[in-house]
């Protein structure tokens, strides 16, 4: 499992270990942008902690490589994801809930071609979502998804924001250093999305976590 941190240049194990001493009674909220290059963001929250940018000192952003090697089965992707969830051990999981829908400009001539292109991606993302939800159910961890438009609106105020806009918003709000140029190759747009997924989870559901019911939102 390869994990790359863009904000904190440390391994996943080191990052978690450094904060474990302060974890109880803090709770960990994990945001995910599922895909082969899976963006993730997690933060700790405790009673009395203001939810928002002030949590930046305890905010972790990164990417998880869920691709399969030449001599690995496709199932290794889901094994990696489960191992990651077990290592982070979140108290709440929130994810970007991608919906594939046909647009109005698809005509009968190209509909089959379009559906053929997106079907594989839809199946893969659906399987990743099922893996997350199953793990959470088995471990008694609540999880929920947010629509893309909701995530973009929280980040930029617009539900149709571009990927560049999302990256820039993450850099401003979280103090990240994600490069806008070449994001198609680096996948940092997934990290930006995950950061706002996590923020939404904190803002909307952290009050329901045991021990942090007194948290205030900014």
N, C-alpha and C. Protein backbone atom coordinates (compact mmCIF):
# COMPACT_ATOMS: atom_id res chain seq x y z
N UNK A 1 0.85 -1.18 0.00
CA UNK A 1 0.00 0.00 0.00
C UNK A 1 0.88 1.24 0.00
N UNK A 2 0.70 2.09 -0.98
CA UNK A 2 1.53 3.27 -1.10
C UNK A 2 0.69 4.49 -0.73
N UNK A 3 1.14 5.28 0.18
CA UNK A 3 0.39 6.44 0.64
C UNK A 3 1.27 7.67 0.51
N UNK A 4 0.78 8.70 -0.18
CA UNK A 4 1.54 9.92 -0.39
C UNK A 4 0.86 11.07 0.31
N UNK A 5 1.54 11.76 1.21
CA UNK A 5 1.00 12.91 1.90
C UNK A 5 1.45 14.18 1.18
N UNK A 6 0.52 15.07 0.93
CA UNK A 6 0.85 16.32 0.25
C UNK A 6 0.99 17.47 1.24
N UNK A 7 0.42 17.33 2.42
CA UNK A 7 0.52 18.38 3.41
C UNK A 7 1.53 18.02 4.47
N UNK A 8 1.50 16.80 4.92
CA UNK A 8 2.42 16.34 5.95
C UNK A 8 3.29 15.22 5.37
N UNK A 9 4.55 15.46 5.10
CA UNK A 9 5.42 14.45 4.47
C UNK A 9 5.83 13.38 5.48
N UNK A 10 4.87 12.53 5.83
CA UNK A 10 5.15 11.46 6.78
C UNK A 10 4.38 10.23 6.34
N UNK A 11 4.77 9.09 6.83
CA UNK A 11 4.04 7.89 6.49
C UNK A 11 2.73 7.88 7.26
N UNK A 12 1.80 7.08 6.78
CA UNK A 12 0.50 6.98 7.45
C UNK A 12 0.67 6.52 8.89
N UNK A 13 1.49 5.53 9.11
CA UNK A 13 1.68 5.01 10.46
C UNK A 13 2.26 6.06 11.40
N UNK A 14 3.25 6.81 10.91
CA UNK A 14 3.86 7.85 11.73
C UNK A 14 2.87 8.95 12.06
N UNK A 15 2.07 9.33 11.06
CA UNK A 15 1.10 10.41 11.27
C UNK A 15 0.06 10.02 12.30
N UNK A 16 -0.44 8.80 12.20
CA UNK A 16 -1.46 8.35 13.14
C UNK A 16 -0.86 8.19 14.53
N UNK A 17 0.34 7.62 14.61
CA UNK A 17 0.98 7.40 15.90
C UNK A 17 1.25 8.72 16.62
N UNK A 18 1.58 9.75 15.86
CA UNK A 18 1.90 11.04 16.47
C UNK A 18 0.69 11.67 17.12
N UNK A 19 -0.50 11.32 16.66
CA UNK A 19 -1.72 11.91 17.20
C UNK A 19 -2.46 10.99 18.15
N UNK A 20 -2.09 9.73 18.19
CA UNK A 20 -2.81 8.78 19.03
C UNK A 20 -2.77 9.14 20.51
N UNK A 21 -1.71 9.79 20.94
CA UNK A 21 -1.59 10.14 22.35
C UNK A 21 -2.69 11.10 22.78
N UNK A 22 -3.21 11.87 21.80
CA UNK A 22 -4.25 12.84 22.14
C UNK A 22 -5.62 12.41 21.67
N UNK A 23 -5.71 11.19 21.14
CA UNK A 23 -6.98 10.79 20.53
C UNK A 23 -8.13 10.67 21.52
N UNK A 24 -8.03 9.89 22.59
CA UNK A 24 -9.15 9.85 23.53
C UNK A 24 -9.23 11.16 24.30
N UNK A 25 -10.41 11.80 24.41
CA UNK A 25 -11.67 11.35 23.84
C UNK A 25 -11.96 11.92 22.46
N UNK A 26 -10.92 12.36 21.73
CA UNK A 26 -11.13 12.89 20.39
C UNK A 26 -11.63 11.79 19.46
N UNK A 27 -12.33 12.18 18.41
CA UNK A 27 -12.85 11.25 17.42
C UNK A 27 -12.29 11.60 16.05
N UNK A 28 -12.04 10.58 15.24
CA UNK A 28 -11.45 10.78 13.92
C UNK A 28 -12.53 10.70 12.85
N UNK A 29 -12.60 11.72 12.02
CA UNK A 29 -13.55 11.76 10.89
C UNK A 29 -12.75 11.65 9.60
N UNK A 30 -13.11 10.69 8.77
CA UNK A 30 -12.38 10.40 7.53
C UNK A 30 -13.24 10.71 6.31
N UNK A 31 -12.69 11.52 5.40
CA UNK A 31 -13.36 11.83 4.14
C UNK A 31 -12.64 11.16 2.99
N UNK A 32 -13.40 10.59 2.04
CA UNK A 32 -12.83 9.85 0.93
C UNK A 32 -13.39 10.33 -0.41
N UNK A 33 -12.50 10.43 -1.40
CA UNK A 33 -12.90 10.58 -2.79
C UNK A 33 -12.44 9.30 -3.48
N UNK A 34 -13.33 8.36 -3.62
CA UNK A 34 -12.99 7.01 -4.05
C UNK A 34 -12.56 6.96 -5.51
N UNK A 35 -11.58 6.10 -5.78
CA UNK A 35 -11.06 5.90 -7.12
C UNK A 35 -9.73 5.19 -7.05
N UNK A 36 -9.12 4.90 -8.20
CA UNK A 36 -7.81 4.24 -8.21
C UNK A 36 -6.77 5.07 -7.49
N UNK A 37 -6.84 6.40 -7.69
CA UNK A 37 -6.04 7.32 -6.90
C UNK A 37 -6.98 7.95 -5.89
N UNK A 38 -7.12 7.31 -4.75
CA UNK A 38 -8.14 7.66 -3.76
C UNK A 38 -7.67 8.82 -2.89
N UNK A 39 -8.36 9.94 -2.99
CA UNK A 39 -8.04 11.05 -2.12
C UNK A 39 -8.64 10.83 -0.74
N UNK A 40 -7.90 11.21 0.30
CA UNK A 40 -8.46 11.07 1.65
C UNK A 40 -8.05 12.28 2.49
N UNK A 41 -8.86 12.54 3.50
CA UNK A 41 -8.59 13.60 4.46
C UNK A 41 -9.17 13.16 5.78
N UNK A 42 -8.42 13.35 6.86
CA UNK A 42 -8.99 13.04 8.16
C UNK A 42 -8.54 14.07 9.18
N UNK A 43 -9.39 14.25 10.18
CA UNK A 43 -9.12 15.22 11.25
C UNK A 43 -9.72 14.69 12.54
N UNK A 44 -9.15 15.12 13.64
CA UNK A 44 -9.65 14.76 14.95
C UNK A 44 -10.52 15.89 15.49
N UNK A 45 -11.55 15.52 16.20
CA UNK A 45 -12.42 16.51 16.81
C UNK A 45 -12.75 16.06 18.23
N UNK A 46 -12.78 17.00 19.14
CA UNK A 46 -13.10 16.69 20.53
C UNK A 46 -14.05 17.75 21.07
N UNK A 47 -14.60 17.48 22.23
CA UNK A 47 -15.54 18.41 22.85
C UNK A 47 -14.92 19.80 22.98
N UNK A 48 -15.69 20.80 22.53
CA UNK A 48 -15.24 22.17 22.66
C UNK A 48 -14.36 22.66 21.53
N UNK A 49 -13.99 21.77 20.60
CA UNK A 49 -13.14 22.18 19.47
C UNK A 49 -14.01 22.80 18.39
N UNK A 50 -13.63 23.96 17.91
CA UNK A 50 -14.39 24.62 16.85
C UNK A 50 -14.12 23.91 15.53
N UNK A 51 -15.17 23.48 14.86
CA UNK A 51 -15.03 22.75 13.61
C UNK A 51 -14.85 23.73 12.46
N UNK A 52 -13.76 23.61 11.75
CA UNK A 52 -13.49 24.50 10.64
C UNK A 52 -12.00 24.64 10.42
N UNK A 53 -11.56 25.72 9.78
CA UNK A 53 -10.15 25.91 9.46
C UNK A 53 -9.22 25.86 10.67
N UNK A 54 -9.74 26.15 11.88
CA UNK A 54 -8.89 26.14 13.05
C UNK A 54 -8.39 24.74 13.38
N UNK A 55 -8.98 23.73 12.77
CA UNK A 55 -8.53 22.35 12.98
C UNK A 55 -7.31 22.02 12.14
N UNK A 56 -6.79 22.99 11.40
CA UNK A 56 -5.76 22.72 10.41
C UNK A 56 -4.52 22.06 11.00
N UNK A 57 -4.20 22.36 12.25
CA UNK A 57 -3.01 21.78 12.85
C UNK A 57 -3.15 20.27 13.04
N UNK A 58 -4.40 19.77 12.93
CA UNK A 58 -4.63 18.34 13.11
C UNK A 58 -5.32 17.76 11.89
N UNK A 59 -5.05 18.36 10.74
CA UNK A 59 -5.69 17.97 9.48
C UNK A 59 -4.68 17.23 8.63
N UNK A 60 -5.07 16.10 8.09
CA UNK A 60 -4.17 15.28 7.28
C UNK A 60 -4.81 15.02 5.92
N UNK A 61 -4.07 15.32 4.86
CA UNK A 61 -4.54 15.10 3.50
C UNK A 61 -3.56 14.18 2.77
N UNK A 62 -4.08 13.36 1.87
CA UNK A 62 -3.18 12.49 1.13
C UNK A 62 -3.89 11.67 0.07
N UNK A 63 -3.14 10.77 -0.55
CA UNK A 63 -3.66 9.89 -1.59
C UNK A 63 -3.32 8.44 -1.27
N UNK A 64 -4.22 7.58 -1.63
CA UNK A 64 -4.03 6.15 -1.46
C UNK A 64 -4.07 5.48 -2.82
N UNK A 65 -3.02 4.75 -3.16
CA UNK A 65 -2.94 4.07 -4.45
C UNK A 65 -3.74 2.77 -4.39
N UNK A 66 -4.87 2.73 -5.09
CA UNK A 66 -5.70 1.53 -5.11
C UNK A 66 -5.63 0.79 -6.44
N UNK A 67 -4.56 1.04 -7.19
CA UNK A 67 -4.40 0.34 -8.46
C UNK A 67 -3.89 -1.08 -8.21
N UNK A 68 -4.09 -1.93 -9.20
CA UNK A 68 -3.63 -3.31 -9.12
C UNK A 68 -2.40 -3.50 -10.00
N UNK A 69 -1.41 -4.22 -9.51
CA UNK A 69 -0.20 -4.48 -10.28
C UNK A 69 -0.41 -5.54 -11.34
N UNK A 70 0.61 -5.73 -12.15
CA UNK A 70 0.51 -6.67 -13.27
C UNK A 70 0.25 -8.10 -12.81
N UNK A 71 0.74 -8.45 -11.63
CA UNK A 71 0.60 -9.82 -11.14
C UNK A 71 -0.36 -9.91 -9.96
N UNK A 72 -1.25 -8.91 -9.86
CA UNK A 72 -2.24 -8.91 -8.79
C UNK A 72 -3.64 -8.99 -9.39
N UNK A 73 -4.54 -9.60 -8.66
CA UNK A 73 -5.93 -9.64 -9.10
C UNK A 73 -6.59 -8.30 -8.83
N UNK A 74 -7.70 -8.05 -9.52
CA UNK A 74 -8.41 -6.80 -9.30
C UNK A 74 -8.90 -6.65 -7.88
N UNK A 75 -9.08 -7.77 -7.20
CA UNK A 75 -9.60 -7.73 -5.84
C UNK A 75 -8.63 -7.08 -4.85
N UNK A 76 -7.35 -6.98 -5.24
CA UNK A 76 -6.36 -6.38 -4.33
C UNK A 76 -6.72 -4.93 -4.02
N UNK A 77 -7.44 -4.29 -4.94
CA UNK A 77 -7.84 -2.90 -4.71
C UNK A 77 -8.73 -2.77 -3.48
N UNK A 78 -9.63 -3.71 -3.33
CA UNK A 78 -10.57 -3.65 -2.21
C UNK A 78 -9.90 -4.11 -0.91
N UNK A 79 -8.92 -5.01 -1.05
CA UNK A 79 -8.15 -5.43 0.12
C UNK A 79 -7.34 -4.24 0.65
N UNK A 80 -6.71 -3.49 -0.25
CA UNK A 80 -5.94 -2.31 0.15
C UNK A 80 -6.84 -1.31 0.86
N UNK A 81 -8.04 -1.11 0.34
CA UNK A 81 -8.95 -0.14 0.93
C UNK A 81 -9.37 -0.57 2.34
N UNK A 82 -9.65 -1.85 2.51
CA UNK A 82 -10.02 -2.34 3.84
C UNK A 82 -8.85 -2.22 4.82
N UNK A 83 -7.64 -2.51 4.37
CA UNK A 83 -6.47 -2.37 5.22
C UNK A 83 -6.27 -0.92 5.64
N UNK A 84 -6.51 0.00 4.70
CA UNK A 84 -6.38 1.42 5.00
C UNK A 84 -7.40 1.84 6.06
N UNK A 85 -8.63 1.41 5.90
CA UNK A 85 -9.67 1.76 6.87
C UNK A 85 -9.33 1.21 8.25
N UNK A 86 -8.82 -0.01 8.28
CA UNK A 86 -8.45 -0.62 9.56
C UNK A 86 -7.30 0.13 10.21
N UNK A 87 -6.34 0.60 9.40
CA UNK A 87 -5.19 1.32 9.94
C UNK A 87 -5.59 2.68 10.50
N UNK A 88 -6.45 3.40 9.79
CA UNK A 88 -6.89 4.71 10.25
C UNK A 88 -7.87 4.59 11.40
N UNK A 89 -8.71 3.55 11.37
CA UNK A 89 -9.70 3.29 12.43
C UNK A 89 -10.57 4.51 12.70
N UNK A 90 -11.33 4.96 11.70
CA UNK A 90 -12.14 6.18 11.87
C UNK A 90 -13.37 5.94 12.75
N UNK A 91 -13.88 7.02 13.28
CA UNK A 91 -15.12 6.98 14.05
C UNK A 91 -16.31 7.40 13.20
N UNK A 92 -16.04 8.01 12.06
CA UNK A 92 -17.06 8.40 11.10
C UNK A 92 -16.41 8.43 9.73
N UNK A 93 -17.09 7.87 8.72
CA UNK A 93 -16.58 7.87 7.35
C UNK A 93 -17.59 8.58 6.45
N UNK A 94 -17.10 9.52 5.68
CA UNK A 94 -17.93 10.22 4.69
C UNK A 94 -17.21 10.13 3.34
N UNK A 95 -17.96 10.06 2.26
CA UNK A 95 -17.34 9.87 0.95
C UNK A 95 -18.11 10.65 -0.11
N UNK A 96 -17.44 10.88 -1.23
CA UNK A 96 -18.08 11.52 -2.37
C UNK A 96 -18.93 10.48 -3.07
N UNK A 97 -20.22 10.73 -3.12
CA UNK A 97 -21.16 9.76 -3.69
C UNK A 97 -21.40 10.10 -5.16
N UNK A 98 -20.65 9.44 -6.03
CA UNK A 98 -20.72 9.72 -7.47
C UNK A 98 -21.92 9.02 -8.08
N UNK A 99 -22.67 9.76 -8.88
CA UNK A 99 -23.81 9.20 -9.60
C UNK A 99 -23.55 9.35 -11.09
N UNK A 100 -23.68 8.26 -11.83
CA UNK A 100 -23.53 8.31 -13.28
C UNK A 100 -24.91 8.41 -13.92
N UNK A 101 -25.15 9.52 -14.63
CA UNK A 101 -26.42 9.71 -15.30
C UNK A 101 -26.17 10.17 -16.73
N UNK A 102 -27.04 9.75 -17.62
CA UNK A 102 -26.92 10.15 -19.02
C UNK A 102 -27.35 11.59 -19.18
N UNK A 103 -26.56 12.38 -19.90
CA UNK A 103 -26.90 13.77 -20.14
C UNK A 103 -27.87 13.90 -21.30
N UNK A 104 -28.52 15.03 -21.40
CA UNK A 104 -29.55 15.22 -22.42
C UNK A 104 -28.99 15.28 -23.82
N UNK A 105 -27.68 15.58 -23.96
CA UNK A 105 -27.12 15.71 -25.30
C UNK A 105 -26.66 14.36 -25.88
N UNK A 106 -26.90 13.28 -25.18
CA UNK A 106 -26.55 11.97 -25.71
C UNK A 106 -27.67 11.50 -26.62
N UNK A 107 -27.36 11.28 -27.91
CA UNK A 107 -28.38 10.82 -28.84
C UNK A 107 -28.29 9.31 -29.03
N UNK A 108 -29.19 8.79 -29.80
CA UNK A 108 -29.25 7.34 -29.97
C UNK A 108 -27.99 6.78 -30.62
N UNK A 109 -27.33 7.59 -31.43
CA UNK A 109 -26.16 7.11 -32.16
C UNK A 109 -24.97 6.88 -31.24
N UNK A 110 -24.81 7.72 -30.22
CA UNK A 110 -23.63 7.58 -29.38
C UNK A 110 -23.94 7.10 -27.97
N UNK A 111 -25.20 6.84 -27.65
CA UNK A 111 -25.58 6.43 -26.30
C UNK A 111 -24.87 5.14 -25.89
N UNK A 112 -24.84 4.17 -26.78
CA UNK A 112 -24.20 2.89 -26.44
C UNK A 112 -22.71 3.07 -26.18
N UNK A 113 -22.07 3.90 -26.99
CA UNK A 113 -20.63 4.12 -26.82
C UNK A 113 -20.35 4.81 -25.49
N UNK A 114 -21.17 5.79 -25.14
CA UNK A 114 -20.98 6.50 -23.87
C UNK A 114 -21.19 5.56 -22.70
N UNK A 115 -22.24 4.77 -22.74
CA UNK A 115 -22.53 3.86 -21.64
C UNK A 115 -21.45 2.80 -21.50
N UNK A 116 -20.88 2.38 -22.62
CA UNK A 116 -19.80 1.40 -22.56
C UNK A 116 -18.57 1.96 -21.86
N UNK A 117 -18.31 3.26 -22.06
CA UNK A 117 -17.15 3.89 -21.45
C UNK A 117 -17.32 4.06 -19.96
N UNK A 118 -18.53 4.41 -19.52
CA UNK A 118 -18.72 4.72 -18.10
C UNK A 118 -19.10 3.50 -17.27
N UNK A 119 -19.52 2.41 -17.92
CA UNK A 119 -20.00 1.27 -17.14
C UNK A 119 -18.91 0.67 -16.27
N UNK A 120 -17.68 0.56 -16.81
CA UNK A 120 -16.59 -0.01 -16.03
C UNK A 120 -16.26 0.86 -14.83
N UNK A 121 -16.20 2.18 -15.05
CA UNK A 121 -15.93 3.10 -13.95
C UNK A 121 -17.03 3.05 -12.90
N UNK A 122 -18.27 2.98 -13.36
CA UNK A 122 -19.39 2.93 -12.43
C UNK A 122 -19.35 1.68 -11.58
N UNK A 123 -19.01 0.55 -12.20
CA UNK A 123 -18.94 -0.70 -11.46
C UNK A 123 -17.82 -0.66 -10.43
N UNK A 124 -16.67 -0.11 -10.82
CA UNK A 124 -15.53 -0.04 -9.91
C UNK A 124 -15.82 0.86 -8.72
N UNK A 125 -16.36 2.06 -8.99
CA UNK A 125 -16.67 2.98 -7.91
C UNK A 125 -17.77 2.41 -7.01
N UNK A 126 -18.72 1.71 -7.62
CA UNK A 126 -19.76 1.07 -6.82
C UNK A 126 -19.19 0.01 -5.90
N UNK A 127 -18.20 -0.72 -6.40
CA UNK A 127 -17.56 -1.76 -5.58
C UNK A 127 -16.75 -1.13 -4.44
N UNK A 128 -16.07 -0.02 -4.71
CA UNK A 128 -15.34 0.67 -3.66
C UNK A 128 -16.29 1.19 -2.59
N UNK A 129 -17.40 1.76 -3.02
CA UNK A 129 -18.40 2.25 -2.09
C UNK A 129 -18.95 1.10 -1.24
N UNK A 130 -19.23 -0.04 -1.88
CA UNK A 130 -19.72 -1.20 -1.14
C UNK A 130 -18.69 -1.70 -0.13
N UNK A 131 -17.41 -1.63 -0.50
CA UNK A 131 -16.34 -2.05 0.41
C UNK A 131 -16.31 -1.17 1.65
N UNK A 132 -16.41 0.14 1.43
CA UNK A 132 -16.40 1.09 2.56
C UNK A 132 -17.61 0.86 3.46
N UNK A 133 -18.78 0.78 2.85
CA UNK A 133 -20.01 0.63 3.63
C UNK A 133 -20.04 -0.70 4.38
N UNK A 134 -19.53 -1.76 3.75
CA UNK A 134 -19.49 -3.07 4.40
C UNK A 134 -18.54 -3.05 5.59
N UNK A 135 -17.35 -2.47 5.39
CA UNK A 135 -16.39 -2.39 6.49
C UNK A 135 -16.98 -1.61 7.65
N UNK A 136 -17.62 -0.48 7.34
CA UNK A 136 -18.22 0.34 8.39
C UNK A 136 -19.31 -0.41 9.13
N UNK A 137 -20.12 -1.15 8.40
CA UNK A 137 -21.19 -1.92 9.04
C UNK A 137 -20.61 -2.99 9.96
N UNK A 138 -19.57 -3.66 9.50
CA UNK A 138 -18.95 -4.70 10.31
C UNK A 138 -18.31 -4.14 11.58
N UNK A 139 -17.80 -2.92 11.49
CA UNK A 139 -17.07 -2.33 12.62
C UNK A 139 -17.91 -1.36 13.44
N UNK A 140 -19.18 -1.22 13.08
CA UNK A 140 -20.04 -0.33 13.83
C UNK A 140 -19.70 1.14 13.66
N UNK A 141 -19.20 1.50 12.48
CA UNK A 141 -18.81 2.89 12.19
C UNK A 141 -19.85 3.52 11.27
N UNK A 142 -20.44 4.65 11.63
CA UNK A 142 -21.40 5.30 10.74
C UNK A 142 -20.72 5.84 9.49
N UNK A 143 -21.42 5.78 8.36
CA UNK A 143 -20.87 6.34 7.12
C UNK A 143 -22.00 6.88 6.27
N UNK A 144 -21.66 7.86 5.45
CA UNK A 144 -22.65 8.46 4.56
C UNK A 144 -21.92 9.12 3.40
N UNK A 145 -22.66 9.43 2.34
CA UNK A 145 -22.07 10.05 1.17
C UNK A 145 -22.65 11.44 0.91
N UNK A 146 -21.87 12.27 0.22
CA UNK A 146 -22.32 13.60 -0.18
C UNK A 146 -22.28 13.70 -1.70
N UNK A 147 -23.26 14.36 -2.27
CA UNK A 147 -23.30 14.56 -3.71
C UNK A 147 -22.20 15.52 -4.13
N UNK A 148 -21.75 15.36 -5.38
CA UNK A 148 -20.67 16.20 -5.89
C UNK A 148 -21.03 17.68 -5.83
N UNK A 149 -22.27 18.01 -6.22
CA UNK A 149 -22.70 19.40 -6.20
C UNK A 149 -22.65 20.00 -4.80
N UNK A 150 -23.01 19.20 -3.80
CA UNK A 150 -22.97 19.66 -2.41
C UNK A 150 -21.55 19.95 -1.97
N UNK A 151 -20.62 19.08 -2.38
CA UNK A 151 -19.21 19.25 -2.02
C UNK A 151 -18.63 20.50 -2.67
N UNK A 152 -18.93 20.68 -3.96
CA UNK A 152 -18.41 21.84 -4.68
C UNK A 152 -18.97 23.14 -4.13
N UNK A 153 -20.25 23.12 -3.76
CA UNK A 153 -20.87 24.34 -3.24
C UNK A 153 -20.26 24.71 -1.89
N UNK A 154 -19.95 23.71 -1.06
CA UNK A 154 -19.31 24.00 0.23
C UNK A 154 -17.93 24.60 0.04
N UNK A 155 -17.23 24.14 -1.00
CA UNK A 155 -15.86 24.59 -1.23
C UNK A 155 -15.79 25.97 -1.87
N UNK A 156 -16.66 26.22 -2.83
CA UNK A 156 -16.53 27.44 -3.64
C UNK A 156 -17.78 28.31 -3.68
N UNK A 157 -18.88 27.79 -3.15
CA UNK A 157 -20.14 28.53 -3.24
C UNK A 157 -20.89 28.24 -4.52
N UNK A 158 -20.30 27.40 -5.40
CA UNK A 158 -20.94 27.06 -6.67
C UNK A 158 -20.97 25.54 -6.83
N UNK A 159 -22.11 25.01 -7.24
CA UNK A 159 -22.24 23.58 -7.40
C UNK A 159 -21.61 23.05 -8.67
N UNK A 160 -21.15 23.93 -9.55
CA UNK A 160 -20.53 23.51 -10.81
C UNK A 160 -19.07 23.93 -10.89
N UNK A 161 -18.41 24.06 -9.76
CA UNK A 161 -17.01 24.50 -9.73
C UNK A 161 -16.12 23.52 -10.48
N UNK A 162 -15.06 24.02 -11.08
CA UNK A 162 -14.11 23.18 -11.81
C UNK A 162 -13.15 22.50 -10.84
N UNK A 163 -12.40 21.54 -11.35
CA UNK A 163 -11.40 20.87 -10.53
C UNK A 163 -10.32 21.85 -10.08
N UNK A 164 -9.95 22.76 -10.97
CA UNK A 164 -8.97 23.78 -10.60
C UNK A 164 -9.48 24.63 -9.44
N UNK A 165 -10.76 24.98 -9.49
CA UNK A 165 -11.36 25.78 -8.41
C UNK A 165 -11.31 25.03 -7.09
N UNK A 166 -11.56 23.73 -7.13
CA UNK A 166 -11.57 22.92 -5.92
C UNK A 166 -10.17 22.84 -5.31
N UNK A 167 -9.17 22.68 -6.16
CA UNK A 167 -7.78 22.61 -5.67
C UNK A 167 -7.38 23.93 -5.03
N UNK A 168 -7.70 25.02 -5.69
CA UNK A 168 -7.35 26.33 -5.15
C UNK A 168 -8.08 26.60 -3.83
N UNK A 169 -9.33 26.16 -3.74
CA UNK A 169 -10.10 26.36 -2.50
C UNK A 169 -9.49 25.57 -1.35
N UNK A 170 -9.02 24.35 -1.64
CA UNK A 170 -8.38 23.53 -0.60
C UNK A 170 -7.08 24.16 -0.15
N UNK A 171 -6.34 24.73 -1.08
CA UNK A 171 -5.08 25.39 -0.72
C UNK A 171 -5.33 26.59 0.20
N UNK A 172 -6.38 27.32 -0.08
CA UNK A 172 -6.69 28.51 0.72
C UNK A 172 -7.21 28.13 2.10
N UNK A 173 -8.19 27.24 2.15
CA UNK A 173 -8.86 26.95 3.41
C UNK A 173 -8.04 26.07 4.33
N UNK A 174 -7.33 25.08 3.76
CA UNK A 174 -6.62 24.12 4.59
C UNK A 174 -5.11 24.34 4.62
N UNK A 175 -4.65 25.34 3.88
CA UNK A 175 -3.21 25.58 3.85
C UNK A 175 -2.46 24.49 3.12
N UNK A 176 -3.14 23.79 2.22
CA UNK A 176 -2.49 22.73 1.45
C UNK A 176 -1.59 23.36 0.39
N UNK A 177 -0.77 22.53 -0.21
CA UNK A 177 0.13 23.00 -1.27
C UNK A 177 -0.03 22.09 -2.48
N UNK A 178 -1.27 21.98 -2.93
CA UNK A 178 -1.60 21.11 -4.07
C UNK A 178 -1.38 21.88 -5.37
N UNK A 179 -0.64 21.28 -6.28
CA UNK A 179 -0.32 21.92 -7.55
C UNK A 179 -1.51 21.81 -8.51
N UNK A 180 -1.99 22.96 -8.98
CA UNK A 180 -3.09 22.96 -9.95
C UNK A 180 -2.62 22.43 -11.29
N UNK A 181 -1.44 22.86 -11.71
CA UNK A 181 -0.92 22.44 -13.01
C UNK A 181 -0.59 20.95 -12.99
N UNK A 182 -1.11 20.23 -13.98
CA UNK A 182 -0.84 18.81 -14.09
C UNK A 182 -1.64 17.93 -13.14
N UNK A 183 -2.75 18.44 -12.63
CA UNK A 183 -3.52 17.65 -11.66
C UNK A 183 -4.08 16.37 -12.27
N UNK A 184 -4.24 16.35 -13.61
CA UNK A 184 -4.76 15.14 -14.25
C UNK A 184 -3.84 13.95 -14.01
N UNK A 185 -2.53 14.22 -13.96
CA UNK A 185 -1.55 13.15 -13.76
C UNK A 185 -1.32 12.85 -12.29
N UNK A 186 -1.34 13.88 -11.45
CA UNK A 186 -1.03 13.68 -10.03
C UNK A 186 -2.24 13.24 -9.22
N UNK A 187 -3.44 13.61 -9.67
CA UNK A 187 -4.64 13.22 -8.94
C UNK A 187 -4.90 14.05 -7.69
N UNK A 188 -4.26 15.21 -7.57
CA UNK A 188 -4.45 16.01 -6.35
C UNK A 188 -5.85 16.59 -6.27
N UNK A 189 -6.58 16.61 -7.39
CA UNK A 189 -7.96 17.07 -7.33
C UNK A 189 -8.80 16.15 -6.44
N UNK A 190 -8.41 14.88 -6.38
CA UNK A 190 -9.11 13.94 -5.50
C UNK A 190 -8.85 14.27 -4.03
N UNK A 191 -7.63 14.74 -3.74
CA UNK A 191 -7.29 15.15 -2.38
C UNK A 191 -8.11 16.37 -1.99
N UNK A 192 -8.23 17.32 -2.91
CA UNK A 192 -9.01 18.52 -2.64
C UNK A 192 -10.47 18.17 -2.35
N UNK A 193 -11.03 17.30 -3.17
CA UNK A 193 -12.42 16.88 -2.96
C UNK A 193 -12.58 16.20 -1.60
N UNK A 194 -11.65 15.32 -1.27
CA UNK A 194 -11.73 14.59 -0.01
C UNK A 194 -11.67 15.54 1.19
N UNK A 195 -10.91 16.61 1.07
CA UNK A 195 -10.78 17.55 2.19
C UNK A 195 -12.12 18.21 2.49
N UNK A 196 -12.87 18.54 1.47
CA UNK A 196 -14.16 19.18 1.70
C UNK A 196 -15.24 18.15 2.07
N UNK A 197 -15.07 16.91 1.61
CA UNK A 197 -15.96 15.85 2.08
C UNK A 197 -15.81 15.68 3.58
N UNK A 198 -14.56 15.66 4.04
CA UNK A 198 -14.29 15.53 5.47
C UNK A 198 -14.86 16.71 6.25
N UNK A 199 -14.70 17.91 5.71
CA UNK A 199 -15.20 19.10 6.38
C UNK A 199 -16.72 19.04 6.51
N UNK A 200 -17.40 18.60 5.46
CA UNK A 200 -18.85 18.46 5.52
C UNK A 200 -19.26 17.45 6.58
N UNK A 201 -18.51 16.36 6.65
CA UNK A 201 -18.80 15.35 7.66
C UNK A 201 -18.65 15.91 9.06
N UNK A 202 -17.60 16.69 9.27
CA UNK A 202 -17.37 17.31 10.57
C UNK A 202 -18.49 18.28 10.92
N UNK A 203 -18.87 19.10 9.96
CA UNK A 203 -19.87 20.12 10.21
C UNK A 203 -21.26 19.54 10.45
N UNK A 204 -21.60 18.48 9.74
CA UNK A 204 -22.96 17.98 9.80
C UNK A 204 -23.18 16.83 10.78
N UNK A 205 -22.11 16.09 11.09
CA UNK A 205 -22.32 14.88 11.88
C UNK A 205 -21.46 14.76 13.13
N UNK A 206 -20.48 15.63 13.31
CA UNK A 206 -19.58 15.48 14.46
C UNK A 206 -20.32 15.58 15.78
N UNK A 207 -21.39 16.35 15.83
CA UNK A 207 -22.14 16.48 17.08
C UNK A 207 -22.74 15.16 17.52
N UNK A 208 -22.89 14.23 16.59
CA UNK A 208 -23.48 12.94 16.93
C UNK A 208 -22.47 11.92 17.43
N UNK A 209 -21.18 12.27 17.41
CA UNK A 209 -20.15 11.35 17.86
C UNK A 209 -20.02 11.41 19.37
N UNK A 210 -19.85 10.28 19.96
CA UNK A 210 -19.74 10.19 21.42
C UNK A 210 -18.56 11.01 21.91
N UNK A 211 -18.82 11.84 22.90
CA UNK A 211 -17.74 12.61 23.51
C UNK A 211 -17.49 13.96 22.90
N UNK A 212 -18.15 14.28 21.76
CA UNK A 212 -17.91 15.59 21.14
C UNK A 212 -19.23 16.33 20.94
N UNK A 213 -20.24 16.01 21.69
CA UNK A 213 -21.54 16.63 21.50
C UNK A 213 -21.54 18.12 21.79
N UNK A 214 -20.52 18.58 22.48
CA UNK A 214 -20.46 20.01 22.78
C UNK A 214 -19.67 20.81 21.78
N UNK A 215 -19.23 20.20 20.68
CA UNK A 215 -18.43 20.91 19.69
C UNK A 215 -19.25 22.01 19.03
N UNK A 216 -18.59 23.10 18.69
CA UNK A 216 -19.24 24.21 18.01
C UNK A 216 -18.77 24.27 16.58
N UNK A 217 -19.62 24.74 15.70
CA UNK A 217 -19.29 24.84 14.29
C UNK A 217 -19.02 26.29 13.92
N UNK A 218 -18.05 26.47 12.99
CA UNK A 218 -17.78 27.81 12.51
C UNK A 218 -18.21 27.92 11.06
